[in-house]
N, C-alpha and C. Protein backbone atom coordinates (compact mmCIF):
# COMPACT_ATOMS: atom_id res chain seq x y z
N MET A 1 -23.75 14.71 16.62
CA MET A 1 -23.41 13.31 16.24
C MET A 1 -22.56 13.20 15.11
N GLN A 2 -21.44 12.51 15.15
CA GLN A 2 -20.56 12.65 14.27
C GLN A 2 -20.79 11.03 13.04
N MET A 3 -21.01 11.09 12.05
CA MET A 3 -21.27 10.12 11.21
C MET A 3 -19.88 9.11 10.96
N ALA A 4 -19.80 8.18 10.88
CA ALA A 4 -18.94 6.95 10.67
C ALA A 4 -18.39 7.55 9.21
N ARG A 5 -17.01 7.48 9.15
CA ARG A 5 -16.66 7.68 7.88
C ARG A 5 -15.81 6.02 7.34
N LYS A 6 -16.23 5.82 6.07
CA LYS A 6 -15.76 4.50 5.83
C LYS A 6 -14.06 5.08 4.89
N MET A 7 -13.34 3.76 4.96
CA MET A 7 -12.06 3.89 4.30
C MET A 7 -11.80 2.31 3.93
N ALA A 8 -10.76 2.23 3.07
CA ALA A 8 -10.27 0.83 2.39
C ALA A 8 -9.01 0.74 3.12
N LEU A 9 -8.94 -0.31 3.71
CA LEU A 9 -7.45 -1.02 4.50
C LEU A 9 -7.49 -2.17 3.84
N VAL A 10 -6.00 -2.44 4.15
CA VAL A 10 -5.44 -3.88 3.38
C VAL A 10 -5.12 -4.61 4.62
N ASP A 11 -5.57 -5.87 4.32
CA ASP A 11 -5.44 -6.98 5.28
C ASP A 11 -4.14 -7.85 4.68
N TYR A 12 -3.02 -7.22 5.69
CA TYR A 12 -1.61 -7.84 5.00
C TYR A 12 -1.55 -9.41 5.11
N ASP A 13 -2.63 -9.94 5.88
CA ASP A 13 -2.32 -11.58 5.80
C ASP A 13 -2.88 -12.16 4.60
N ARG A 14 -3.72 -11.47 3.81
CA ARG A 14 -4.37 -11.97 2.67
C ARG A 14 -3.41 -11.21 1.58
N CYS A 15 -3.26 -10.35 1.52
CA CYS A 15 -2.38 -9.49 0.33
C CYS A 15 -1.07 -10.47 -0.27
N HIS A 16 -1.09 -10.83 -1.23
CA HIS A 16 0.07 -11.53 -2.17
C HIS A 16 -0.11 -10.83 -3.38
N PRO A 17 0.65 -9.66 -3.34
CA PRO A 17 0.76 -8.90 -4.84
C PRO A 17 1.37 -9.63 -6.04
N GLU A 18 2.20 -10.82 -5.50
CA GLU A 18 3.09 -11.94 -6.60
C GLU A 18 1.97 -12.56 -7.35
N ALA A 19 0.54 -12.60 -6.89
CA ALA A 19 -0.26 -13.25 -7.71
C ALA A 19 -0.86 -12.36 -8.53
N CYS A 20 -0.56 -10.86 -8.66
CA CYS A 20 -1.26 -10.29 -9.55
C CYS A 20 -0.21 -10.04 -10.75
N GLU A 21 -0.68 -9.73 -11.79
CA GLU A 21 0.30 -9.94 -13.00
C GLU A 21 1.41 -9.02 -13.08
N GLY A 22 2.53 -9.80 -13.19
CA GLY A 22 3.96 -9.09 -13.14
C GLY A 22 4.10 -8.29 -11.34
N GLY A 23 3.46 -8.82 -10.54
CA GLY A 23 3.43 -8.14 -9.15
C GLY A 23 3.07 -7.12 -8.74
N VAL A 24 2.32 -6.61 -9.75
CA VAL A 24 1.65 -5.07 -9.85
C VAL A 24 0.37 -5.26 -9.19
N CYS A 25 0.23 -4.49 -8.15
CA CYS A 25 -1.04 -4.72 -7.47
C CYS A 25 -2.63 -4.34 -8.30
N LEU A 26 -3.30 -5.12 -8.66
CA LEU A 26 -4.61 -4.75 -9.37
C LEU A 26 -5.37 -3.69 -8.58
N ALA A 27 -5.36 -3.64 -7.24
CA ALA A 27 -6.23 -2.73 -6.40
C ALA A 27 -5.54 -1.26 -6.70
N GLU A 28 -4.29 -1.25 -6.71
CA GLU A 28 -3.49 -0.12 -6.74
C GLU A 28 -3.82 0.77 -7.98
N ARG A 29 -4.07 -0.23 -9.35
CA ARG A 29 -4.23 0.27 -10.71
C ARG A 29 -5.89 0.73 -10.61
N ALA A 30 -6.55 -0.04 -10.10
CA ALA A 30 -7.86 0.09 -9.94
C ALA A 30 -8.38 1.73 -9.06
N CYS A 31 -7.63 2.06 -8.40
CA CYS A 31 -8.03 3.21 -7.08
C CYS A 31 -7.88 4.69 -8.36
N PRO A 32 -9.12 5.14 -8.32
CA PRO A 32 -9.15 6.47 -9.26
C PRO A 32 -8.48 7.62 -8.25
N SER A 33 -8.37 7.47 -7.08
CA SER A 33 -7.41 8.69 -6.63
C SER A 33 -6.25 8.57 -6.23
N GLY A 34 -5.85 7.16 -6.96
CA GLY A 34 -4.28 6.81 -6.65
C GLY A 34 -3.72 7.12 -5.08
N LEU A 35 -4.70 6.38 -4.20
CA LEU A 35 -4.19 6.16 -2.45
C LEU A 35 -3.80 4.95 -2.41
N LEU A 36 -3.44 4.07 -3.32
CA LEU A 36 -2.78 2.75 -3.10
C LEU A 36 -1.24 3.04 -3.44
N ARG A 37 -0.38 2.82 -2.84
CA ARG A 37 0.80 3.13 -3.32
C ARG A 37 1.91 1.91 -3.25
N GLN A 38 2.40 1.07 -4.20
CA GLN A 38 3.04 -0.04 -4.29
C GLN A 38 4.45 0.74 -4.49
N GLU A 39 5.52 0.50 -3.95
CA GLU A 39 6.77 1.00 -4.19
C GLU A 39 7.59 0.42 -5.12
N ALA A 40 7.56 -0.98 -5.19
CA ALA A 40 7.91 -1.57 -6.47
C ALA A 40 7.19 -3.27 -6.51
N PRO A 41 7.22 -3.74 -7.82
CA PRO A 41 6.43 -4.88 -8.02
C PRO A 41 6.87 -5.82 -6.94
N HIS A 42 5.61 -6.63 -6.45
CA HIS A 42 5.62 -7.66 -5.49
C HIS A 42 5.83 -7.24 -4.26
N GLU A 43 5.77 -5.99 -3.84
CA GLU A 43 5.60 -5.42 -2.50
C GLU A 43 3.81 -5.19 -2.36
N ILE A 44 3.73 -5.41 -1.23
CA ILE A 44 2.40 -4.84 -0.66
C ILE A 44 1.96 -3.49 -0.61
N PRO A 45 0.84 -2.78 -1.16
CA PRO A 45 0.47 -1.56 -1.21
C PRO A 45 0.36 -1.01 0.26
N MET A 46 0.53 -0.08 0.06
CA MET A 46 0.47 1.18 1.57
C MET A 46 -0.84 1.91 0.96
N PRO A 47 -1.97 1.82 1.58
CA PRO A 47 -3.00 2.57 1.42
C PRO A 47 -2.95 3.89 2.22
N GLU A 48 -3.65 5.00 1.65
CA GLU A 48 -3.65 6.38 2.36
C GLU A 48 -5.36 6.68 2.84
N PRO A 49 -5.42 6.03 3.98
CA PRO A 49 -7.07 5.96 4.02
C PRO A 49 -7.25 7.07 4.81
N SER A 50 -6.58 8.16 4.96
CA SER A 50 -7.56 9.64 5.58
C SER A 50 -7.66 9.96 4.36
N PHE A 51 -7.51 9.70 2.99
CA PHE A 51 -8.04 10.55 1.81
C PHE A 51 -8.98 9.59 1.00
N CYS A 52 -9.26 8.55 1.55
CA CYS A 52 -10.09 7.46 0.99
C CYS A 52 -11.59 8.12 0.82
N ARG A 53 -12.14 7.68 -0.52
CA ARG A 53 -13.39 8.30 -0.83
C ARG A 53 -14.24 7.20 -0.53
N ALA A 54 -13.78 5.91 -0.36
CA ALA A 54 -14.76 4.65 -0.33
C ALA A 54 -15.26 4.49 -1.49
N CYS A 55 -14.76 4.45 -2.41
CA CYS A 55 -15.64 4.22 -3.69
C CYS A 55 -15.59 2.60 -3.88
N GLY A 56 -14.54 2.01 -3.35
CA GLY A 56 -14.67 0.43 -3.61
C GLY A 56 -14.03 -0.20 -4.82
N GLU A 57 -13.56 0.69 -5.67
CA GLU A 57 -13.09 0.16 -6.91
C GLU A 57 -11.89 -0.72 -6.50
N CYS A 58 -10.88 -0.62 -5.46
CA CYS A 58 -9.82 -1.24 -5.06
C CYS A 58 -10.46 -2.57 -4.52
N VAL A 59 -11.41 -2.45 -3.64
CA VAL A 59 -12.06 -3.61 -3.22
C VAL A 59 -12.57 -4.76 -4.29
N ARG A 60 -13.06 -4.17 -5.42
CA ARG A 60 -13.53 -5.07 -6.37
C ARG A 60 -12.42 -5.52 -7.02
N ALA A 61 -11.34 -5.03 -7.26
CA ALA A 61 -9.96 -5.30 -8.25
C ALA A 61 -9.47 -6.28 -7.52
N CYS A 62 -9.36 -6.14 -6.35
CA CYS A 62 -8.13 -7.36 -5.74
C CYS A 62 -8.55 -8.71 -5.64
N PRO A 63 -7.72 -9.48 -6.48
CA PRO A 63 -8.11 -11.03 -6.43
C PRO A 63 -8.16 -11.79 -5.23
N GLN A 64 -7.32 -11.25 -4.28
CA GLN A 64 -7.19 -11.95 -3.19
C GLN A 64 -8.30 -11.63 -2.04
N GLN A 65 -9.16 -10.73 -2.54
CA GLN A 65 -10.22 -10.05 -1.49
C GLN A 65 -9.11 -9.72 -0.10
N ALA A 66 -8.36 -9.01 -0.49
CA ALA A 66 -7.50 -8.39 0.93
C ALA A 66 -7.61 -6.82 1.19
N ILE A 67 -8.47 -6.29 0.59
CA ILE A 67 -9.09 -4.99 0.62
C ILE A 67 -10.22 -4.98 1.17
N ARG A 68 -10.66 -4.32 2.29
CA ARG A 68 -12.01 -4.08 2.50
C ARG A 68 -12.51 -2.65 3.01
N LEU A 69 -13.60 -2.17 3.01
CA LEU A 69 -14.14 -0.89 3.65
C LEU A 69 -14.22 -1.34 4.84
N TYR A 70 -13.86 -0.36 5.78
CA TYR A 70 -14.28 -0.26 7.30
C TYR A 70 -14.73 1.27 7.81
N SER A 71 -15.35 1.06 8.66
CA SER A 71 -16.07 2.49 9.29
C SER A 71 -15.20 2.88 10.33
N SER A 72 -14.77 4.19 10.46
CA SER A 72 -13.84 4.52 11.26
C SER A 72 -14.82 5.28 12.46
């Protein structure tokens, strides 16, 4: 029996990086593994869910509640 694995995913309808200071995603800065990548300020960050440790730091840091932990 395989256990469900949790990973952080971005809800693109809720994500508004322009609301973060300077357009820099607060969740990206909070990820201890650096698995959220924002190419430039004001752009939506792209996650790397296959390496996510599901620590939840990005979830807690996102002011728009646009990141959630999901089971795969």
